[in-house]
């Protein structure tokens, strides 16, 4: 995976830092509740509609 990530950096013209942080998002999301506890059904539907291609492509369920 590191080799492929390095290639992505090169393709987009960004300098490759040489490593990937082990816990890149630690502490980023303070509210750890599941999305179903946070989003209203209307918000969920808007996200599902806006991201329909990505959800289908990755085989996600939302």
PDB file of N, CA and C in Angstrom:
ATOM      1  N   UNK A   1       0.817  -1.184   0.000  1.00  0.00           N
ATOM      2  CA  UNK A   1       0.000   0.000   0.000  1.00  0.00           C
ATOM      3  C   UNK A   1       0.870   1.261   0.000  1.00  0.00           C
ATOM      4  N   UNK A   2       1.966   1.245   0.700  1.00  0.00           N
ATOM      5  CA  UNK A   2       2.833   2.419   0.756  1.00  0.00           C
ATOM      6  C   UNK A   2       3.335   2.787  -0.639  1.00  0.00           C
ATOM      7  N   UNK A   3       3.706   1.780  -1.408  1.00  0.00           N
ATOM      8  CA  UNK A   3       4.196   2.035  -2.771  1.00  0.00           C
ATOM      9  C   UNK A   3       3.114   2.724  -3.608  1.00  0.00           C
ATOM     10  N   UNK A   4       1.885   2.229  -3.504  1.00  0.00           N
ATOM     11  CA  UNK A   4       0.787   2.810  -4.266  1.00  0.00           C
ATOM     12  C   UNK A   4       0.485   4.232  -3.796  1.00  0.00           C
ATOM     13  N   UNK A   5       0.552   4.445  -2.504  1.00  0.00           N
ATOM     14  CA  UNK A   5       0.298   5.779  -1.973  1.00  0.00           C
ATOM     15  C   UNK A   5       1.366   6.761  -2.441  1.00  0.00           C
ATOM     16  N   UNK A   6       2.603   6.314  -2.471  1.00  0.00           N
ATOM     17  CA  UNK A   6       3.690   7.159  -2.974  1.00  0.00           C
ATOM     18  C   UNK A   6       3.414   7.548  -4.425  1.00  0.00           C
ATOM     19  N   UNK A   7       2.937   6.597  -5.212  1.00  0.00           N
ATOM     20  CA  UNK A   7       2.621   6.870  -6.615  1.00  0.00           C
ATOM     21  C   UNK A   7       1.505   7.906  -6.740  1.00  0.00           C
ATOM     22  N   UNK A   8       0.501   7.811  -5.883  1.00  0.00           N
ATOM     23  CA  UNK A   8      -0.590   8.792  -5.901  1.00  0.00           C
ATOM     24  C   UNK A   8      -0.041  10.187  -5.613  1.00  0.00           C
ATOM     25  N   UNK A   9       0.800  10.299  -4.597  1.00  0.00           N
ATOM     26  CA  UNK A   9       1.405  11.592  -4.271  1.00  0.00           C
ATOM     27  C   UNK A   9       2.164  12.144  -5.472  1.00  0.00           C
ATOM     28  N   UNK A  10       2.937  11.291  -6.122  1.00  0.00           N
ATOM     29  CA  UNK A  10       3.719  11.726  -7.284  1.00  0.00           C
ATOM     30  C   UNK A  10       2.810  12.190  -8.418  1.00  0.00           C
ATOM     31  N   UNK A  11       1.726  11.464  -8.649  1.00  0.00           N
ATOM     32  CA  UNK A  11       0.812  11.820  -9.745  1.00  0.00           C
ATOM     33  C   UNK A  11       0.143  13.166  -9.536  1.00  0.00           C
ATOM     34  N   UNK A  12      -0.161  13.489  -8.290  1.00  0.00           N
ATOM     35  CA  UNK A  12      -0.834  14.765  -8.030  1.00  0.00           C
ATOM     36  C   UNK A  12       0.150  15.887  -7.722  1.00  0.00           C
ATOM     37  N   UNK A  13       1.445  15.578  -7.792  1.00  0.00           N
ATOM     38  CA  UNK A  13       2.464  16.605  -7.618  1.00  0.00           C
ATOM     39  C   UNK A  13       2.720  17.030  -6.189  1.00  0.00           C
ATOM     40  N   UNK A  14       2.426  16.148  -5.246  1.00  0.00           N
ATOM     41  CA  UNK A  14       2.676  16.464  -3.840  1.00  0.00           C
ATOM     42  C   UNK A  14       3.933  15.749  -3.370  1.00  0.00           C
ATOM     43  N   UNK A  15       4.672  16.361  -2.469  1.00  0.00           N
ATOM     44  CA  UNK A  15       5.855  15.679  -1.944  1.00  0.00           C
ATOM     45  C   UNK A  15       5.450  14.506  -1.056  1.00  0.00           C
ATOM     46  N   UNK A  16       6.119  13.388  -1.203  1.00  0.00           N
ATOM     47  CA  UNK A  16       5.832  12.189  -0.413  1.00  0.00           C
ATOM     48  C   UNK A  16       6.584  12.295   0.915  1.00  0.00           C
ATOM     49  N   UNK A  17       5.868  12.259   2.047  1.00  0.00           N
ATOM     50  CA  UNK A  17       6.531  12.388   3.342  1.00  0.00           C
ATOM     51  C   UNK A  17       7.328  11.144   3.744  1.00  0.00           C
ATOM     52  N   UNK A  18       7.100  10.037   3.053  1.00  0.00           N
ATOM     53  CA  UNK A  18       7.859   8.821   3.322  1.00  0.00           C
ATOM     54  C   UNK A  18       7.203   7.865   4.291  1.00  0.00           C
ATOM     55  N   UNK A  19       6.270   8.364   5.084  1.00  0.00           N
ATOM     56  CA  UNK A  19       5.562   7.505   6.031  1.00  0.00           C
ATOM     57  C   UNK A  19       4.116   7.963   6.127  1.00  0.00           C
ATOM     58  N   UNK A  20       3.312   7.110   6.724  1.00  0.00           N
ATOM     59  CA  UNK A  20       1.921   7.433   6.983  1.00  0.00           C
ATOM     60  C   UNK A  20       1.749   7.425   8.497  1.00  0.00           C
ATOM     61  N   UNK A  21       1.145   8.469   9.067  1.00  0.00           N
ATOM     62  CA  UNK A  21       0.946   8.472  10.515  1.00  0.00           C
ATOM     63  C   UNK A  21       0.159   7.246  10.960  1.00  0.00           C
ATOM     64  N   UNK A  22       0.581   6.650  12.032  1.00  0.00           N
ATOM     65  CA  UNK A  22      -0.077   5.434  12.520  1.00  0.00           C
ATOM     66  C   UNK A  22      -1.523   5.700  12.935  1.00  0.00           C
ATOM     67  N   UNK A  23      -1.746   6.803  13.579  1.00  0.00           N
ATOM     68  CA  UNK A  23      -3.096   7.165  14.007  1.00  0.00           C
ATOM     69  C   UNK A  23      -3.409   8.558  13.475  1.00  0.00           C
ATOM     70  N   UNK A  24      -3.608   8.628  12.181  1.00  0.00           N
ATOM     71  CA  UNK A  24      -3.746   9.919  11.505  1.00  0.00           C
ATOM     72  C   UNK A  24      -4.924  10.745  12.010  1.00  0.00           C
ATOM     73  N   UNK A  25      -6.002  10.097  12.439  1.00  0.00           N
ATOM     74  CA  UNK A  25      -7.189  10.854  12.826  1.00  0.00           C
ATOM     75  C   UNK A  25      -7.499  10.748  14.316  1.00  0.00           C
ATOM     76  N   UNK A  26      -6.567  10.290  15.103  1.00  0.00           N
ATOM     77  CA  UNK A  26      -6.798  10.172  16.535  1.00  0.00           C
ATOM     78  C   UNK A  26      -7.146  11.536  17.111  1.00  0.00           C
ATOM     79  N   UNK A  27      -8.243  11.595  17.828  1.00  0.00           N
ATOM     80  CA  UNK A  27      -8.650  12.845  18.447  1.00  0.00           C
ATOM     81  C   UNK A  27      -9.371  13.795  17.512  1.00  0.00           C
ATOM     82  N   UNK A  28      -9.474  13.449  16.243  1.00  0.00           N
ATOM     83  CA  UNK A  28     -10.119  14.335  15.272  1.00  0.00           C
ATOM     84  C   UNK A  28     -11.616  14.431  15.523  1.00  0.00           C
ATOM     85  N   UNK A  29     -12.223  13.281  15.753  1.00  0.00           N
ATOM     86  CA  UNK A  29     -13.666  13.237  15.953  1.00  0.00           C
ATOM     87  C   UNK A  29     -13.956  13.070  17.436  1.00  0.00           C
ATOM     88  N   UNK A  30     -14.325  14.147  18.087  1.00  0.00           N
ATOM     89  CA  UNK A  30     -14.555  14.118  19.525  1.00  0.00           C
ATOM     90  C   UNK A  30     -15.849  13.376  19.847  1.00  0.00           C
ATOM     91  N   UNK A  31     -16.894  13.628  19.084  1.00  0.00           N
ATOM     92  CA  UNK A  31     -18.187  12.972  19.302  1.00  0.00           C
ATOM     93  C   UNK A  31     -18.149  11.606  18.633  1.00  0.00           C
ATOM     94  N   UNK A  32     -18.038  10.543  19.407  1.00  0.00           N
ATOM     95  CA  UNK A  32     -17.868   9.194  18.878  1.00  0.00           C
ATOM     96  C   UNK A  32     -19.192   8.452  18.668  1.00  0.00           C
ATOM     97  N   UNK A  33     -20.317   9.154  18.802  1.00  0.00           N
ATOM     98  CA  UNK A  33     -21.600   8.479  18.606  1.00  0.00           C
ATOM     99  C   UNK A  33     -21.754   8.005  17.164  1.00  0.00           C
ATOM    100  N   UNK A  34     -22.522   6.935  16.987  1.00  0.00           N
ATOM    101  CA  UNK A  34     -22.824   6.403  15.663  1.00  0.00           C
ATOM    102  C   UNK A  34     -23.655   7.433  14.902  1.00  0.00           C
ATOM    103  N   UNK A  35     -23.465   7.467  13.585  1.00  0.00           N
ATOM    104  CA  UNK A  35     -24.160   8.480  12.785  1.00  0.00           C
ATOM    105  C   UNK A  35     -25.669   8.419  12.958  1.00  0.00           C
ATOM    106  N   UNK A  36     -26.229   7.232  13.216  1.00  0.00           N
ATOM    107  CA  UNK A  36     -27.673   7.100  13.363  1.00  0.00           C
ATOM    108  C   UNK A  36     -28.191   7.834  14.600  1.00  0.00           C
ATOM    109  N   UNK A  37     -27.310   8.080  15.558  1.00  0.00           N
ATOM    110  CA  UNK A  37     -27.700   8.821  16.755  1.00  0.00           C
ATOM    111  C   UNK A  37     -27.571  10.329  16.557  1.00  0.00           C
ATOM    112  N   UNK A  38     -26.891  10.744  15.514  1.00  0.00           N
ATOM    113  CA  UNK A  38     -26.592  12.159  15.313  1.00  0.00           C
ATOM    114  C   UNK A  38     -27.427  12.764  14.189  1.00  0.00           C
ATOM    115  N   UNK A  39     -27.557  12.048  13.073  1.00  0.00           N
ATOM    116  CA  UNK A  39     -28.252  12.578  11.900  1.00  0.00           C
ATOM    117  C   UNK A  39     -29.752  12.353  11.988  1.00  0.00           C
ATOM    118  N   UNK A  40     -30.496  13.313  11.481  1.00  0.00           N
ATOM    119  CA  UNK A  40     -31.933  13.113  11.331  1.00  0.00           C
ATOM    120  C   UNK A  40     -32.154  12.258  10.084  1.00  0.00           C
ATOM    121  N   UNK A  41     -33.336  11.720   9.918  1.00  0.00           N
ATOM    122  CA  UNK A  41     -33.606  10.910   8.726  1.00  0.00           C
ATOM    123  C   UNK A  41     -33.515  11.770   7.464  1.00  0.00           C
ATOM    124  N   UNK A  42     -33.879  13.031   7.563  1.00  0.00           N
ATOM    125  CA  UNK A  42     -33.766  13.938   6.421  1.00  0.00           C
ATOM    126  C   UNK A  42     -32.299  14.159   6.041  1.00  0.00           C
ATOM    127  N   UNK A  43     -31.443  14.367   7.027  1.00  0.00           N
ATOM    128  CA  UNK A  43     -30.011  14.539   6.762  1.00  0.00           C
ATOM    129  C   UNK A  43     -29.421  13.274   6.154  1.00  0.00           C
ATOM    130  N   UNK A  44     -29.792  12.129   6.702  1.00  0.00           N
ATOM    131  CA  UNK A  44     -29.306  10.850   6.194  1.00  0.00           C
ATOM    132  C   UNK A  44     -29.705  10.671   4.736  1.00  0.00           C
ATOM    133  N   UNK A  45     -30.954  10.991   4.408  1.00  0.00           N
ATOM    134  CA  UNK A  45     -31.432  10.857   3.033  1.00  0.00           C
ATOM    135  C   UNK A  45     -30.682  11.790   2.077  1.00  0.00           C
ATOM    136  N   UNK A  46     -30.393  13.002   2.527  1.00  0.00           N
ATOM    137  CA  UNK A  46     -29.643  13.951   1.687  1.00  0.00           C
ATOM    138  C   UNK A  46     -28.234  13.441   1.413  1.00  0.00           C
ATOM    139  N   UNK A  47     -27.596  12.892   2.438  1.00  0.00           N
ATOM    140  CA  UNK A  47     -26.247  12.342   2.266  1.00  0.00           C
ATOM    141  C   UNK A  47     -26.291  11.132   1.345  1.00  0.00           C
ATOM    142  N   UNK A  48     -27.271  10.249   1.552  1.00  0.00           N
ATOM    143  CA  UNK A  48     -27.399   9.055   0.711  1.00  0.00           C
ATOM    144  C   UNK A  48     -27.599   9.440  -0.754  1.00  0.00           C
ATOM    145  N   UNK A  49     -28.381  10.478  -0.999  1.00  0.00           N
ATOM    146  CA  UNK A  49     -28.621  10.929  -2.372  1.00  0.00           C
ATOM    147  C   UNK A  49     -27.357  11.554  -2.964  1.00  0.00           C
ATOM    148  N   UNK A  50     -26.690  12.403  -2.203  1.00  0.00           N
ATOM    149  CA  UNK A  50     -25.493  13.091  -2.701  1.00  0.00           C
ATOM    150  C   UNK A  50     -24.336  12.131  -2.944  1.00  0.00           C
ATOM    151  N   UNK A  51     -24.271  11.060  -2.171  1.00  0.00           N
ATOM    152  CA  UNK A  51     -23.138  10.119  -2.256  1.00  0.00           C
ATOM    153  C   UNK A  51     -23.550   8.763  -2.819  1.00  0.00           C
ATOM    154  N   UNK A  52     -24.655   8.728  -3.556  1.00  0.00           N
ATOM    155  CA  UNK A  52     -25.196   7.458  -4.049  1.00  0.00           C
ATOM    156  C   UNK A  52     -24.185   6.662  -4.864  1.00  0.00           C
ATOM    157  N   UNK A  53     -23.435   7.326  -5.741  1.00  0.00           N
ATOM    158  CA  UNK A  53     -22.450   6.616  -6.572  1.00  0.00           C
ATOM    159  C   UNK A  53     -21.379   5.959  -5.713  1.00  0.00           C
ATOM    160  N   UNK A  54     -20.847   6.714  -4.765  1.00  0.00           N
ATOM    161  CA  UNK A  54     -19.786   6.196  -3.909  1.00  0.00           C
ATOM    162  C   UNK A  54     -20.287   5.058  -3.024  1.00  0.00           C
ATOM    163  N   UNK A  55     -21.499   5.211  -2.505  1.00  0.00           N
ATOM    164  CA  UNK A  55     -22.080   4.177  -1.650  1.00  0.00           C
ATOM    165  C   UNK A  55     -22.250   2.886  -2.440  1.00  0.00           C
ATOM    166  N   UNK A  56     -22.769   2.982  -3.665  1.00  0.00           N
ATOM    167  CA  UNK A  56     -22.951   1.799  -4.514  1.00  0.00           C
ATOM    168  C   UNK A  56     -21.611   1.207  -4.938  1.00  0.00           C
ATOM    169  N   UNK A  57     -20.683   2.058  -5.344  1.00  0.00           N
ATOM    170  CA  UNK A  57     -19.381   1.601  -5.815  1.00  0.00           C
ATOM    171  C   UNK A  57     -18.635   0.813  -4.745  1.00  0.00           C
ATOM    172  N   UNK A  58     -18.685   1.293  -3.522  1.00  0.00           N
ATOM    173  CA  UNK A  58     -17.940   0.657  -2.439  1.00  0.00           C
ATOM    174  C   UNK A  58     -18.742  -0.441  -1.737  1.00  0.00           C
ATOM    175  N   UNK A  59     -20.002  -0.606  -2.128  1.00  0.00           N
ATOM    176  CA  UNK A  59     -20.829  -1.637  -1.516  1.00  0.00           C
ATOM    177  C   UNK A  59     -21.260  -1.296  -0.098  1.00  0.00           C
ATOM    178  N   UNK A  60     -21.282   0.001   0.207  1.00  0.00           N
ATOM    179  CA  UNK A  60     -21.668   0.434   1.549  1.00  0.00           C
ATOM    180  C   UNK A  60     -23.174   0.341   1.725  1.00  0.00           C
ATOM    181  N   UNK A  61     -23.597   0.279   2.941  1.00  0.00           N
ATOM    182  CA  UNK A  61     -25.004   0.461   3.274  1.00  0.00           C
ATOM    183  C   UNK A  61     -25.060   1.664   4.190  1.00  0.00           C
ATOM    184  N   UNK A  62     -26.143   2.406   4.089  1.00  0.00           N
ATOM    185  CA  UNK A  62     -26.212   3.646   4.846  1.00  0.00           C
ATOM    186  C   UNK A  62     -27.554   3.744   5.509  1.00  0.00           C
TER     187      UNK A  62
END
